[in-house]
Protein backbone atom coordinates (compact mmCIF):
# COMPACT_ATOMS: atom_id res chain seq x y z
CA ARG A 1 19.82 34.36 48.55
CA THR A 2 22.78 36.54 49.49
CA LYS A 3 25.08 34.74 47.02
CA ALA A 4 22.54 35.28 44.25
CA LEU A 5 22.31 39.00 45.04
CA VAL A 6 26.10 39.33 45.03
CA LEU A 7 26.28 37.70 41.59
CA GLU A 8 23.54 40.00 40.30
CA LEU A 9 25.55 43.01 41.51
CA LEU A 10 28.75 41.69 39.94
CA ALA A 11 26.91 41.13 36.66
CA ALA A 12 25.59 44.69 36.75
CA VAL A 13 29.10 46.04 37.34
CA CYS A 14 30.28 44.11 34.25
CA LEU A 15 27.90 46.17 32.13
CA VAL A 16 29.21 49.63 33.09
CA ARG A 17 32.25 51.16 31.41
CA GLY A 18 35.40 49.61 32.85
CA GLY A 19 33.38 47.29 35.06
CA HIS A 20 34.22 44.11 33.19
CA ASP A 21 37.95 44.64 33.74
CA ILE A 22 37.34 45.38 37.42
CA ILE A 23 35.34 42.17 37.89
CA LEU A 24 37.96 40.04 36.12
CA ALA A 25 40.71 41.68 38.20
CA ALA A 26 38.72 40.91 41.36
CA PHE A 27 38.39 37.25 40.37
CA ASP A 28 42.12 37.17 39.54
CA ASN A 29 42.88 38.62 42.98
CA PHE A 30 40.55 36.12 44.65
CA LYS A 31 42.32 33.31 42.78
CA GLU A 32 45.71 34.43 44.10
CA VAL A 33 44.57 35.10 47.68
CA CYS A 34 42.62 31.85 48.00
CA GLY A 35 45.10 29.65 46.15
CA GLU A 36 42.84 28.63 43.29
CA LYS A 37 44.44 27.04 40.23
CA ASN A 38 41.93 28.67 37.89
CA ARG A 39 39.91 31.85 37.90
CA PHE A 40 36.21 31.22 38.72
CA GLU A 41 37.06 27.89 40.39
CA LYS A 42 35.18 28.65 43.63
CA LEU A 43 32.23 30.09 41.70
CA MET A 44 31.89 26.86 39.72
CA GLU A 45 32.27 24.80 42.89
CA TYR A 46 29.37 26.68 44.46
CA PHE A 47 27.36 26.36 41.24
CA ARG A 48 27.74 22.58 41.19
CA ASN A 49 26.96 22.23 44.90
CA GLU A 50 24.01 24.62 45.14
CA ASP A 51 21.71 22.71 42.81
CA THR A 52 18.79 23.09 45.22
CA ASN A 53 19.14 26.88 45.24
CA ILE A 54 17.48 27.87 41.97
CA ASP A 55 17.90 31.62 42.58
CA PHE A 56 21.64 31.16 42.92
CA MET A 57 21.91 28.89 39.88
CA VAL A 58 20.00 31.38 37.71
CA ALA A 59 22.10 34.29 38.99
CA CYS A 60 25.25 32.28 38.34
CA MET A 61 24.28 31.49 34.75
CA GLN A 62 23.32 35.13 34.16
CA PHE A 63 26.66 36.26 35.56
CA ILE A 64 28.61 33.80 33.41
CA ASN A 65 26.64 34.84 30.33
CA ILE A 66 27.30 38.53 30.97
CA VAL A 67 31.00 37.99 31.76
CA VAL A 68 31.48 36.09 28.51
CA HIS A 69 29.22 38.04 26.17
CA SER A 70 29.87 41.61 27.28
CA VAL A 71 33.32 41.44 25.67
CA GLU A 72 33.70 42.84 22.16
CA ASN A 73 36.93 41.01 21.30
CA MET A 74 35.85 37.64 19.91
CA ASN A 75 39.14 35.93 20.81
CA PHE A 76 38.83 37.05 24.42
CA ARG A 77 35.21 35.92 24.46
CA VAL A 78 36.27 32.45 23.31
CA PHE A 79 39.00 32.44 25.96
CA LEU A 80 36.46 33.25 28.69
CA GLN A 81 34.15 30.52 27.37
CA TYR A 82 37.05 28.09 27.53
CA GLU A 83 37.76 29.02 31.15
CA PHE A 84 34.24 27.96 32.14
CA THR A 85 34.36 24.87 29.90
CA HIS A 86 37.67 23.88 31.50
CA LEU A 87 35.99 24.13 34.92
CA GLY A 88 33.25 21.72 33.81
CA LEU A 89 30.35 24.06 33.02
CA ASP A 90 29.47 22.42 29.69
CA GLN A 91 29.65 18.94 31.15
CA TYR A 92 27.51 19.94 34.13
CA LEU A 93 24.87 21.53 31.91
CA GLU A 94 24.76 18.51 29.58
CA VAL A 95 24.69 15.85 32.28
CA GLY A 96 23.15 17.71 35.19
CA ASP A 97 23.68 16.34 38.63
CA PRO A 98 25.27 12.88 38.26
CA GLU A 99 23.67 11.85 41.57
CA GLU A 100 20.17 12.43 40.13
CA GLY A 101 20.42 10.10 37.15
């Protein structure tokens, strides 16, 4: 539940003036500090592995939606969508858990 609450707070910060840039900068910093290849890599890893935690999955999808759609610049919005697509979000949502089927 804690992870879900953190994501809800991060999503809320995205919606205040200047908050979106702060959140993206935080994820960029996390990427550098933790040695990720891509921004949001750990978030997507948790998302794929927490499929029994519905609260977290809902909070994660809400966060992703807000991160992508709270941007006015359409090109940047597409870029953010691509980041999540590149990390397998679309495939996961289409297929679901490959171990289930």
